[in-house]
Amino acid sequence: MARILSPWCWLRRAARFPGREREAVLQAVKMALAAVLAWLAARVVIPSPQSFMAPYAAVFLMTATVYRSLTNAAQQTAALLLGLALAYAAAHLIPQPALALAAAVFVGMLLGQWHRFGGSGIWVGVTALLMISYGTAGNLLYLAERMGESLLGAAIGVVVNTVILPPVHLRHTRDAVTALAAEVRDLLQSIAGDLRDDWDTDTATRWLRHARRLDSTVVRADEAVSWGRESVRFNIRWLVHRRRGSLPLPSAFESPLSVLKEVSEQVKRITEALVTAAQQDEADPEFTAEYARLLDQLAGAVACLDQSDDRLADLPGYLDELSAHHRELDGRLRFDRVTTVMRQAEDAALLAVARSVRVLETAAPR
């Protein structure tokens, strides 16, 4: 029953809340509109009983960003035109259809490897294959009509995607950076809580595995920031909202992300040091308790980078408290000059916190 109702739940979310579901519905509507407009325009401008290239090109170019629509339009149009030209040349130079087909596909696939074609390179060979298979490769008028349809459809697709609510993906960017900040914060708080209870090598190893899983969250945040940056290029809708001050610059998320990436690396160093300490089975209870407090303070500083709350102004206060506590704890270790594996692990754990503080200071408002 849940599976039957899930499409309706998806549609209800799309209707009620902004997000991926609504964007998908909007893009589907724009694709349908572009296909119909391209098909009608092709039948008027290029009278043909088979006006399939125009709507195909229009739908294919309805991508998730305006910038990608423009680049795909150039790549797709060039690939189709080259495929048509290749089919015409093969049909005239090689009288045997089977050999012409083989030669056109072979050469088309090789030409399609050129990096400038991007993901559209395969259509050089595929277009040549279709034209020769249909038996229309030798008809210059037919090929000219297909070329005209491709250009017309590409133009309509780009115009529809650019003018009618062009997609802006800054919400996904903010959510991804927020998710990374929340995951780093939660891990630090979890480690601090466990340090106050009984913990052992298995506990420390679990922290390390969780810290290493932060890498996948960092990758997703990186991709979201890159996607958001691309989505505002040549985007009329974003320019209008930006002038009204209702949307942030994509660069507003890049600084917090770079800070969180470095902090996540230092969290891995922290967990590695704690694994080493746990293996010695001689942890200093006083140091452990103070270090747990230090991690709680670091978690509070990281939470200031949460993009869902405007808490960045609180970051300097957290950093001052964190730095003072770190100096105090580090001074205690320096006073005791005995060098052991445990002491080296404690030094490494403190060093990772110090590096986290330094990078967090770059995000603090001045």
Protein backbone atom coordinates (compact mmCIF):
# COMPACT_ATOMS: atom_id res chain seq x y z
CA MET A 1 0.00 0.00 0.00
CA ALA A 2 2.84 2.38 0.85
CA ARG A 3 4.39 1.78 -2.57
CA ILE A 4 1.07 2.54 -4.28
CA LEU A 5 0.67 5.80 -2.36
CA SER A 6 4.29 6.95 -2.71
CA PRO A 7 3.80 8.64 -6.14
CA TRP A 8 0.88 10.61 -4.70
CA CYS A 9 2.98 11.56 -1.66
CA TRP A 10 5.73 12.69 -4.03
CA LEU A 11 3.29 14.84 -6.01
CA ARG A 12 1.81 16.27 -2.81
CA ARG A 13 5.28 17.31 -1.64
CA ALA A 14 5.89 18.90 -5.03
CA ALA A 15 2.68 20.91 -4.71
CA ARG A 16 3.16 21.97 -1.09
CA PHE A 17 6.90 22.52 -0.61
CA PRO A 18 9.74 23.96 -2.70
CA GLY A 19 12.47 21.42 -3.37
CA ARG A 20 13.66 18.72 -5.73
CA GLU A 21 10.16 17.34 -6.33
CA ARG A 22 8.74 20.68 -7.44
CA GLU A 23 11.79 21.36 -9.62
CA ALA A 24 11.36 17.96 -11.30
CA VAL A 25 7.68 18.69 -12.03
CA LEU A 26 8.56 22.12 -13.38
CA GLN A 27 11.25 20.71 -15.67
CA ALA A 28 8.82 18.04 -16.94
CA VAL A 29 6.24 20.72 -17.76
CA LYS A 30 8.89 22.79 -19.56
CA MET A 31 10.02 19.74 -21.54
CA ALA A 32 6.46 19.06 -22.66
CA LEU A 33 5.98 22.70 -23.62
CA ALA A 34 9.29 22.83 -25.51
CA ALA A 35 8.46 19.60 -27.38
CA VAL A 36 5.05 20.89 -28.49
CA LEU A 37 6.37 24.31 -29.50
CA ALA A 38 9.26 22.77 -31.45
CA TRP A 39 6.98 20.26 -33.19
CA LEU A 40 4.45 22.95 -34.19
CA ALA A 41 7.17 25.37 -35.32
CA ALA A 42 8.90 22.69 -37.38
CA ARG A 43 5.66 21.79 -39.17
CA VAL A 44 5.13 25.45 -40.06
CA VAL A 45 8.70 26.47 -40.92
CA ILE A 46 9.86 23.16 -42.42
CA PRO A 47 6.80 21.32 -43.76
CA SER A 48 7.53 17.64 -43.26
CA PRO A 49 5.48 14.59 -42.29
CA GLN A 50 8.28 13.49 -39.93
CA SER A 51 9.13 16.52 -37.77
CA PHE A 52 10.77 14.48 -35.03
CA MET A 53 14.22 16.09 -34.84
CA ALA A 54 12.97 19.48 -33.59
CA PRO A 55 11.05 18.22 -30.51
CA TYR A 56 13.83 15.73 -29.78
CA ALA A 57 16.47 18.46 -29.78
CA ALA A 58 14.27 20.76 -27.68
CA VAL A 59 13.62 18.13 -24.99
CA PHE A 60 17.20 16.91 -24.92
CA LEU A 61 18.44 20.42 -24.13
CA MET A 62 16.11 20.97 -21.16
CA THR A 63 18.88 20.41 -18.65
CA ALA A 64 19.10 21.37 -14.98
CA THR A 65 20.98 24.65 -15.58
CA VAL A 66 20.81 27.41 -18.19
CA TYR A 67 24.57 27.24 -18.70
CA ARG A 68 24.41 23.51 -19.44
CA SER A 69 21.53 24.08 -21.84
CA LEU A 70 23.67 26.51 -23.82
CA THR A 71 26.76 24.30 -23.88
CA ASN A 72 24.71 21.18 -24.64
CA ALA A 73 22.93 23.05 -27.44
CA ALA A 74 26.24 23.81 -29.12
CA GLN A 75 27.58 20.27 -28.58
CA GLN A 76 24.38 18.47 -29.57
CA THR A 77 23.79 20.61 -32.65
CA ALA A 78 27.39 20.18 -33.82
CA ALA A 79 27.20 16.41 -33.27
CA LEU A 80 23.92 16.08 -35.21
CA LEU A 81 25.10 18.24 -38.08
CA LEU A 82 28.37 16.32 -38.34
CA GLY A 83 26.45 13.04 -38.24
CA LEU A 84 24.18 14.17 -41.08
CA ALA A 85 27.15 15.33 -43.15
CA LEU A 86 28.93 12.05 -42.48
CA ALA A 87 25.88 10.05 -43.56
CA TYR A 88 25.62 12.04 -46.80
CA ALA A 89 29.33 11.58 -47.56
CA ALA A 90 29.23 7.84 -46.81
CA ALA A 91 26.13 7.30 -48.96
CA HIS A 92 27.73 9.00 -51.96
CA LEU A 93 31.26 7.64 -51.63
CA ILE A 94 30.37 4.02 -50.77
CA PRO A 95 27.68 2.50 -53.01
CA GLN A 96 27.20 -0.61 -50.83
CA PRO A 97 24.76 0.38 -48.00
CA ALA A 98 26.16 -2.13 -45.49
CA LEU A 99 29.72 -0.87 -46.02
CA ALA A 100 28.54 2.75 -45.95
CA LEU A 101 26.78 2.08 -42.64
CA ALA A 102 29.85 0.44 -41.13
CA ALA A 103 32.18 3.21 -42.31
CA ALA A 104 29.86 6.02 -41.13
CA VAL A 105 29.40 4.51 -37.67
CA PHE A 106 33.12 3.77 -37.31
CA VAL A 107 34.23 7.26 -38.34
CA GLY A 108 31.38 8.90 -36.41
CA MET A 109 32.26 7.16 -33.17
CA LEU A 110 35.91 8.14 -33.57
CA LEU A 111 35.04 11.78 -34.30
CA GLY A 112 32.63 11.76 -31.34
CA GLN A 113 35.54 11.09 -28.98
CA TRP A 114 36.66 14.72 -29.34
CA HIS A 115 36.38 16.26 -25.89
CA ARG A 116 34.62 19.34 -27.22
CA PHE A 117 31.54 17.25 -27.91
CA GLY A 118 31.23 16.30 -24.25
CA GLY A 119 28.55 13.68 -23.69
CA SER A 120 26.97 14.38 -27.09
CA GLY A 121 29.81 12.85 -29.10
CA ILE A 122 28.04 9.49 -29.47
CA TRP A 123 25.33 11.18 -31.55
CA VAL A 124 27.71 11.74 -34.46
CA GLY A 125 27.78 8.01 -35.18
CA VAL A 126 24.17 7.39 -34.10
CA THR A 127 22.79 10.13 -36.37
CA ALA A 128 24.74 8.78 -39.34
CA LEU A 129 23.47 5.28 -38.52
CA LEU A 130 19.83 6.42 -38.43
CA MET A 131 20.01 8.34 -41.70
CA ILE A 132 21.67 5.50 -43.60
CA SER A 133 19.33 2.90 -42.07
CA TYR A 134 16.28 4.96 -43.10
CA GLY A 135 17.66 5.13 -46.64
CA THR A 136 17.57 8.92 -46.63
CA ALA A 137 21.30 9.67 -46.38
CA GLY A 138 21.58 10.40 -50.10
CA ASN A 139 18.64 12.84 -50.14
CA LEU A 140 20.20 16.26 -49.67
CA LEU A 141 16.85 18.01 -49.22
CA TYR A 142 15.81 15.56 -46.50
CA LEU A 143 19.12 16.06 -44.68
CA ALA A 144 18.81 19.84 -44.98
CA GLU A 145 15.34 19.62 -43.42
CA ARG A 146 16.71 17.56 -40.53
CA MET A 147 19.51 20.08 -40.03
CA GLY A 148 16.97 22.89 -39.95
CA GLU A 149 14.79 20.97 -37.48
CA SER A 150 17.76 20.35 -35.19
CA LEU A 151 18.70 24.02 -35.12
CA LEU A 152 15.09 25.11 -34.60
CA GLY A 153 14.50 22.61 -31.79
CA ALA A 154 17.75 23.52 -30.06
CA ALA A 155 16.88 27.20 -30.18
CA ILE A 156 13.39 26.62 -28.76
CA GLY A 157 14.70 24.37 -25.99
CA VAL A 158 17.28 26.90 -24.91
CA VAL A 159 14.78 29.78 -24.98
CA VAL A 160 12.19 27.87 -22.92
CA ASN A 161 14.76 26.82 -20.32
CA THR A 162 16.26 30.30 -20.14
CA VAL A 163 13.09 32.39 -20.03
CA ILE A 164 10.53 30.25 -18.16
CA LEU A 165 11.58 29.91 -14.51
CA PRO A 166 15.20 28.91 -15.15
CA PRO A 167 16.40 26.58 -12.38
CA VAL A 168 18.50 27.93 -9.50
CA HIS A 169 20.08 25.32 -7.22
CA LEU A 170 21.32 27.44 -4.32
CA ARG A 171 18.87 25.76 -1.95
CA HIS A 172 20.61 22.43 -2.53
CA THR A 173 23.96 24.12 -1.97
CA ARG A 174 22.85 25.55 1.37
CA ASP A 175 21.35 22.21 2.44
CA ALA A 176 24.52 20.31 1.55
CA VAL A 177 26.80 22.66 3.51
CA THR A 178 24.36 22.57 6.43
CA ALA A 179 24.35 18.76 6.36
CA LEU A 180 28.15 18.67 6.49
CA ALA A 181 28.28 21.11 9.41
CA ALA A 182 25.64 19.09 11.27
CA GLU A 183 27.45 15.80 10.71
CA VAL A 184 30.79 17.17 11.93
CA ARG A 185 29.10 18.78 14.95
CA ASP A 186 27.19 15.61 15.85
CA LEU A 187 30.32 13.46 15.62
CA LEU A 188 32.29 15.80 17.87
CA GLN A 189 29.47 15.85 20.42
CA SER A 190 29.20 12.07 20.27
CA ILE A 191 32.93 11.65 20.88
CA ALA A 192 32.79 14.11 23.78
CA GLY A 193 29.86 12.27 25.34
CA ASP A 194 31.58 8.88 25.01
CA LEU A 195 34.81 10.22 26.50
CA ARG A 196 32.92 11.04 29.69
CA ASP A 197 31.79 7.41 29.97
CA ASP A 198 33.70 4.16 29.69
CA TRP A 199 35.33 3.94 26.27
CA ASP A 200 37.78 1.53 24.71
CA THR A 201 39.47 0.66 21.43
CA ASP A 202 36.20 -0.49 19.85
CA THR A 203 34.57 2.83 20.71
CA ALA A 204 37.49 4.81 19.30
CA THR A 205 37.51 2.67 16.14
CA ARG A 206 33.82 3.43 15.66
CA TRP A 207 34.60 7.15 15.87
CA LEU A 208 37.33 6.72 13.26
CA ARG A 209 34.99 4.91 10.85
CA HIS A 210 32.40 7.65 11.27
CA ALA A 211 35.04 10.34 10.69
CA ARG A 212 36.15 8.67 7.49
CA ARG A 213 32.57 8.58 6.27
CA LEU A 214 32.62 12.37 6.38
CA ASP A 215 34.50 12.21 3.07
CA SER A 216 31.33 11.22 1.20
CA THR A 217 29.43 14.13 2.75
CA VAL A 218 32.25 16.47 1.75
CA VAL A 219 32.07 15.21 -1.85
CA ARG A 220 28.31 15.76 -1.96
CA ALA A 221 28.72 19.28 -0.59
CA ASP A 222 31.46 20.01 -3.14
CA GLU A 223 29.21 18.85 -5.97
CA ALA A 224 26.28 20.89 -4.65
CA VAL A 225 28.38 24.06 -4.45
CA SER A 226 29.69 23.50 -7.98
CA TRP A 227 26.13 22.83 -9.20
CA GLY A 228 24.86 25.98 -7.49
CA ARG A 229 27.64 28.07 -9.02
CA GLU A 230 26.82 26.73 -12.48
CA SER A 231 23.07 27.25 -12.06
CA VAL A 232 23.39 31.04 -11.78
CA ARG A 233 25.46 31.50 -14.93
CA PHE A 234 23.42 33.28 -17.63
CA ASN A 235 20.37 32.88 -15.37
CA ILE A 236 17.91 35.75 -15.76
CA ARG A 237 15.81 34.65 -12.80
CA TRP A 238 18.80 34.69 -10.45
CA LEU A 239 19.88 38.14 -11.67
CA VAL A 240 16.40 39.53 -10.91
CA HIS A 241 16.33 37.99 -7.43
CA ARG A 242 19.90 39.07 -6.77
CA ARG A 243 19.07 42.70 -7.48
CA ARG A 244 16.25 42.43 -4.97
CA GLY A 245 18.67 40.92 -2.46
CA SER A 246 16.55 37.77 -2.00
CA LEU A 247 19.21 35.24 -3.06
CA PRO A 248 22.81 34.87 -1.83
CA LEU A 249 25.87 34.72 -4.01
CA PRO A 250 27.15 31.18 -4.68
CA SER A 251 30.48 32.26 -3.19
CA ALA A 252 28.71 32.70 0.17
CA PHE A 253 28.77 28.90 0.55
CA GLU A 254 32.31 28.32 -0.71
CA SER A 255 34.11 29.76 2.32
CA PRO A 256 32.13 27.73 4.91
CA LEU A 257 32.61 24.61 2.81
CA SER A 258 36.39 25.02 2.58
CA VAL A 259 36.53 25.52 6.36
CA LEU A 260 34.35 22.47 7.04
CA LYS A 261 36.45 20.34 4.70
CA GLU A 262 39.59 21.14 6.67
CA VAL A 263 37.85 20.65 10.02
CA SER A 264 36.57 17.25 8.88
CA GLU A 265 40.16 16.29 8.07
CA GLN A 266 41.22 17.33 11.57
CA VAL A 267 38.37 15.32 13.07
CA LYS A 268 39.90 12.27 11.40
CA ARG A 269 43.25 13.16 13.00
CA ILE A 270 41.48 13.45 16.37
CA THR A 271 39.90 10.02 16.08
CA GLU A 272 43.18 8.46 14.93
CA ALA A 273 44.92 9.91 17.99
CA LEU A 274 42.17 8.62 20.26
CA VAL A 275 42.44 5.13 18.74
CA THR A 276 46.17 5.19 19.56
CA ALA A 277 45.40 6.38 23.09
CA ALA A 278 42.81 3.64 23.58
CA GLN A 279 45.29 0.99 22.52
CA GLN A 280 47.65 2.03 25.34
CA ASP A 281 44.98 1.38 27.96
CA GLU A 282 46.39 4.08 30.24
CA ALA A 283 44.30 7.17 29.48
CA ASP A 284 44.56 10.08 31.90
CA PRO A 285 41.01 10.60 33.26
CA GLU A 286 41.66 14.30 33.94
CA PHE A 287 42.92 14.92 30.40
CA THR A 288 40.07 12.90 28.93
CA ALA A 289 37.44 14.92 30.80
CA GLU A 290 39.00 18.23 29.79
CA TYR A 291 39.42 17.10 26.18
CA ALA A 292 35.76 16.11 26.06
CA ARG A 293 34.89 19.66 27.10
CA LEU A 294 37.24 20.94 24.40
CA LEU A 295 35.44 18.88 21.74
CA ASP A 296 32.07 20.20 22.92
CA GLN A 297 33.38 23.73 22.45
CA LEU A 298 34.70 22.82 18.98
CA ALA A 299 31.30 21.35 18.10
CA GLY A 300 29.68 24.64 19.12
CA ALA A 301 32.05 26.58 16.87
CA VAL A 302 31.32 24.27 13.94
CA ALA A 303 27.58 24.69 14.52
CA CYS A 304 28.00 28.41 13.78
CA LEU A 305 28.66 27.46 10.14
CA ASP A 306 25.19 25.90 9.85
CA GLN A 307 23.62 27.72 6.90
CA SER A 308 20.07 27.23 8.21
CA ASP A 309 20.78 29.51 11.19
CA ASP A 310 22.37 32.93 11.11
CA ARG A 311 24.85 32.19 13.91
CA LEU A 312 28.12 33.22 12.31
CA ALA A 313 28.32 36.26 14.60
CA ASP A 314 28.62 33.86 17.56
CA LEU A 315 31.73 32.19 16.15
CA PRO A 316 34.35 34.60 17.60
CA GLY A 317 33.02 34.00 21.11
CA TYR A 318 33.26 30.23 20.71
CA LEU A 319 36.77 30.53 19.29
CA ASP A 320 37.98 32.73 22.17
CA GLU A 321 36.69 30.25 24.72
CA LEU A 322 38.06 27.32 22.75
CA SER A 323 41.52 28.90 22.35
CA ALA A 324 41.77 29.72 26.05
CA HIS A 325 40.80 26.21 27.08
CA HIS A 326 43.20 24.70 24.54
CA ARG A 327 46.11 26.80 25.83
CA GLU A 328 45.34 25.73 29.39
CA LEU A 329 45.19 22.03 28.52
CA ASP A 330 48.26 22.23 26.30
CA GLY A 331 50.17 23.97 29.09
CA ARG A 332 49.50 21.08 31.43
CA LEU A 333 51.02 18.65 28.94
CA ARG A 334 54.06 20.86 28.41
CA PHE A 335 54.62 20.98 32.17
CA ASP A 336 54.88 17.18 32.23
CA ARG A 337 57.91 16.43 30.04
CA VAL A 338 57.59 12.64 30.17
CA THR A 339 57.35 11.31 26.61
CA THR A 340 55.20 8.23 26.11
CA VAL A 341 53.03 6.91 23.31
CA MET A 342 50.01 8.08 25.29
CA ARG A 343 51.45 11.59 25.63
CA GLN A 344 52.21 11.70 21.90
CA ALA A 345 48.61 10.71 21.16
CA GLU A 346 47.33 13.46 23.44
CA ASP A 347 49.64 15.97 21.72
CA ALA A 348 48.31 14.88 18.32
CA ALA A 349 44.71 15.24 19.51
CA LEU A 350 45.39 18.77 20.79
CA LEU A 351 47.24 19.70 17.60
CA ALA A 352 44.21 18.70 15.50
CA VAL A 353 41.99 20.96 17.62
CA ALA A 354 44.48 23.83 17.26
CA ARG A 355 44.47 23.44 13.47
CA SER A 356 40.68 23.39 13.48
CA VAL A 357 40.64 26.65 15.46
CA ARG A 358 43.01 28.31 12.98
CA VAL A 359 40.89 27.41 10.00
CA LEU A 360 37.65 28.39 11.77
CA GLU A 361 39.16 31.82 12.46
CA THR A 362 39.20 32.44 8.69
CA ALA A 363 35.38 32.15 8.64
CA ALA A 364 34.81 34.43 11.62
CA PRO A 365 33.36 37.88 10.76
CA ARG A 366 35.79 40.75 11.11
